Amino acid sequence: MEPGRPGRCHGSGPTAEAALDDDDLVTRVRAGDREAYDALVARHTASAYRTAVLLGAGPDAEDVVHFFFS
């Protein structure tokens, strides 16, 4: 994430979803926007994976992340 800009990832491409913060994306997801959901998953998968590993998921970390986002 970029410092001082919550909900935004550093290095995101110039897509419409990248320009939106997480609150905007969640609002769109609740309205049924699948692309907004995909953007949230892409934005947070790496940190979710790292968190799962740090909390002891070990080799199951990928499964934990998949379960969380499904």
Foldseek 3Di string as FASTA:
>chain_A
DDPPDAQADPPDDPDPLNVDGLVVLVVVVVVPDVVSLVSVCVRCVVVQLVVCVVVPCPPCSVVVSVVVSD
